N, C-alpha and C. Protein backbone atom coordinates (compact mmCIF):
# COMPACT_ATOMS: atom_id res chain seq x y z
N MET A 1 0.81 -1.21 0.00
CA MET A 1 0.00 0.00 0.00
C MET A 1 0.85 1.27 0.00
N PRO A 2 1.94 1.36 0.79
CA PRO A 2 2.74 2.59 0.75
C PRO A 2 3.34 2.88 -0.62
N LYS A 3 3.72 1.83 -1.38
CA LYS A 3 4.25 2.07 -2.72
C LYS A 3 3.18 2.68 -3.62
N ALA A 4 1.95 2.22 -3.47
CA ALA A 4 0.86 2.77 -4.27
C ALA A 4 0.65 4.25 -3.94
N LEU A 5 0.77 4.61 -2.68
CA LEU A 5 0.61 6.01 -2.29
C LEU A 5 1.75 6.88 -2.84
N CYS A 6 2.96 6.33 -2.88
CA CYS A 6 4.08 7.06 -3.46
C CYS A 6 3.86 7.28 -4.96
N LEU A 7 3.40 6.25 -5.64
CA LEU A 7 3.12 6.38 -7.07
C LEU A 7 1.98 7.37 -7.31
N LEU A 8 0.97 7.34 -6.47
CA LEU A 8 -0.13 8.29 -6.59
C LEU A 8 0.36 9.72 -6.37
N GLY A 9 1.24 9.91 -5.40
CA GLY A 9 1.82 11.22 -5.16
C GLY A 9 2.60 11.73 -6.36
N MET A 10 3.35 10.83 -7.01
CA MET A 10 4.09 11.23 -8.21
C MET A 10 3.15 11.59 -9.36
N MET A 11 2.07 10.82 -9.51
CA MET A 11 1.11 11.11 -10.57
C MET A 11 0.42 12.46 -10.33
N VAL A 12 0.05 12.72 -9.10
CA VAL A 12 -0.59 14.00 -8.77
C VAL A 12 0.39 15.15 -9.02
N ALA A 13 1.64 14.96 -8.64
CA ALA A 13 2.65 16.00 -8.87
C ALA A 13 2.82 16.29 -10.36
N ILE A 14 2.83 15.24 -11.17
CA ILE A 14 2.97 15.42 -12.62
C ILE A 14 1.77 16.17 -13.18
N LEU A 15 0.58 15.79 -12.76
CA LEU A 15 -0.64 16.46 -13.25
C LEU A 15 -0.68 17.93 -12.85
N ILE A 16 -0.32 18.22 -11.61
CA ILE A 16 -0.32 19.61 -11.15
C ILE A 16 0.73 20.42 -11.91
N ALA A 17 1.91 19.83 -12.10
CA ALA A 17 2.96 20.54 -12.83
C ALA A 17 2.53 20.81 -14.26
N ILE A 18 1.95 19.83 -14.93
CA ILE A 18 1.49 20.02 -16.32
C ILE A 18 0.42 21.11 -16.37
N LEU A 19 -0.51 21.09 -15.43
CA LEU A 19 -1.59 22.08 -15.41
C LEU A 19 -1.05 23.50 -15.30
N PHE A 20 -0.13 23.72 -14.37
CA PHE A 20 0.35 25.08 -14.15
C PHE A 20 1.43 25.50 -15.12
N ILE A 21 2.16 24.56 -15.70
CA ILE A 21 3.08 24.90 -16.78
C ILE A 21 2.28 25.34 -18.00
N ALA A 22 1.18 24.64 -18.28
CA ALA A 22 0.32 25.04 -19.40
C ALA A 22 -0.27 26.42 -19.17
N ASP A 23 -0.67 26.70 -17.94
CA ASP A 23 -1.22 28.03 -17.65
C ASP A 23 -0.14 29.10 -17.80
N LEU A 24 1.06 28.80 -17.35
CA LEU A 24 2.15 29.76 -17.44
C LEU A 24 2.54 30.01 -18.90
N ALA A 25 2.54 28.95 -19.70
CA ALA A 25 2.98 29.07 -21.10
C ALA A 25 1.88 29.61 -22.02
N ALA A 26 0.66 29.09 -21.87
CA ALA A 26 -0.39 29.42 -22.84
C ALA A 26 -1.62 30.08 -22.24
N GLY A 27 -1.68 30.17 -20.93
CA GLY A 27 -2.85 30.79 -20.32
C GLY A 27 -4.05 29.88 -20.23
N VAL A 28 -3.82 28.58 -20.37
CA VAL A 28 -4.92 27.61 -20.30
C VAL A 28 -4.77 26.84 -19.01
N PRO A 29 -5.67 26.67 -18.15
CA PRO A 29 -7.08 27.02 -18.14
C PRO A 29 -7.40 28.26 -17.33
N PHE A 30 -6.42 28.89 -16.69
CA PHE A 30 -6.71 29.98 -15.76
C PHE A 30 -6.41 31.37 -16.33
N GLN A 31 -6.11 31.49 -17.60
CA GLN A 31 -5.82 32.76 -18.28
C GLN A 31 -4.73 33.57 -17.57
N LYS A 32 -3.71 32.89 -17.09
CA LYS A 32 -2.57 33.54 -16.42
C LYS A 32 -3.02 34.50 -15.32
N ALA A 33 -3.87 34.03 -14.45
CA ALA A 33 -4.40 34.89 -13.39
C ALA A 33 -3.29 35.44 -12.51
N SER A 34 -2.30 34.60 -12.21
CA SER A 34 -1.19 35.05 -11.38
C SER A 34 0.06 34.25 -11.75
N ILE A 35 1.03 34.93 -12.31
CA ILE A 35 2.27 34.26 -12.71
C ILE A 35 3.03 33.78 -11.47
N LEU A 36 3.02 34.56 -10.41
CA LEU A 36 3.70 34.16 -9.18
C LEU A 36 3.07 32.89 -8.59
N MET A 37 1.75 32.80 -8.65
CA MET A 37 1.05 31.61 -8.16
C MET A 37 1.40 30.39 -9.02
N ASP A 38 1.47 30.59 -10.34
CA ASP A 38 1.85 29.49 -11.23
C ASP A 38 3.24 28.96 -10.88
N ILE A 39 4.18 29.86 -10.71
CA ILE A 39 5.55 29.45 -10.39
C ILE A 39 5.61 28.75 -9.04
N ALA A 40 4.91 29.29 -8.05
CA ALA A 40 4.92 28.69 -6.72
C ALA A 40 4.31 27.28 -6.75
N LEU A 41 3.24 27.10 -7.49
CA LEU A 41 2.60 25.79 -7.54
C LEU A 41 3.41 24.79 -8.36
N ILE A 42 4.15 25.25 -9.35
CA ILE A 42 5.06 24.37 -10.08
C ILE A 42 6.17 23.90 -9.16
N VAL A 43 6.72 24.81 -8.36
CA VAL A 43 7.76 24.43 -7.40
C VAL A 43 7.21 23.44 -6.37
N CYS A 44 6.00 23.67 -5.89
CA CYS A 44 5.39 22.74 -4.94
C CYS A 44 5.16 21.36 -5.57
N ALA A 45 4.75 21.34 -6.82
CA ALA A 45 4.55 20.07 -7.52
C ALA A 45 5.88 19.33 -7.67
N LEU A 46 6.94 20.06 -7.98
CA LEU A 46 8.26 19.44 -8.08
C LEU A 46 8.73 18.90 -6.74
N MET A 47 8.45 19.62 -5.67
CA MET A 47 8.82 19.14 -4.34
C MET A 47 8.02 17.88 -3.97
N LEU A 48 6.73 17.86 -4.26
CA LEU A 48 5.92 16.68 -4.00
C LEU A 48 6.43 15.49 -4.80
N GLY A 49 6.78 15.72 -6.07
CA GLY A 49 7.33 14.64 -6.89
C GLY A 49 8.64 14.12 -6.34
N ALA A 50 9.51 15.01 -5.90
CA ALA A 50 10.80 14.60 -5.34
C ALA A 50 10.62 13.81 -4.05
N ILE A 51 9.76 14.29 -3.18
CA ILE A 51 9.51 13.59 -1.92
C ILE A 51 8.93 12.21 -2.18
N SER A 52 7.99 12.12 -3.12
CA SER A 52 7.39 10.83 -3.46
C SER A 52 8.44 9.90 -4.06
N TRP A 53 9.29 10.42 -4.92
CA TRP A 53 10.33 9.61 -5.55
C TRP A 53 11.31 9.07 -4.52
N PHE A 54 11.78 9.93 -3.63
CA PHE A 54 12.76 9.50 -2.62
C PHE A 54 12.15 8.47 -1.68
N THR A 55 10.90 8.65 -1.30
CA THR A 55 10.22 7.68 -0.43
C THR A 55 10.01 6.37 -1.16
N PHE A 56 9.67 6.42 -2.44
CA PHE A 56 9.49 5.20 -3.24
C PHE A 56 10.81 4.44 -3.33
N LYS A 57 11.91 5.16 -3.53
CA LYS A 57 13.22 4.50 -3.64
C LYS A 57 13.65 3.87 -2.31
N GLU A 58 13.28 4.46 -1.19
CA GLU A 58 13.62 3.88 0.12
C GLU A 58 12.90 2.56 0.35
N GLN A 59 11.70 2.44 -0.20
CA GLN A 59 10.90 1.23 0.01
C GLN A 59 11.33 0.09 -0.89
N ALA A 60 12.03 0.38 -1.98
CA ALA A 60 12.40 -0.67 -2.92
C ALA A 60 13.55 -1.51 -2.43
C-alpha cells in the first residue's frame, strides 16, 4: 500500500505541474491569473514529486 501512495503522489505532482506549466505558457485554463502563483505551484509540484520519488526509492 505505501508504494501505491508514493506512485499516486508522483502522478498528482505530474498532473499539477502540467496544469500550471500550461497556464504559465499558454494561459490555459486559468488565463494567467497570477504568474507568481503558477511558479509557486510548479515548485510545490516538483517538491511533491521529489519527496514521493525518494520515499518510493527507500521502500524498494
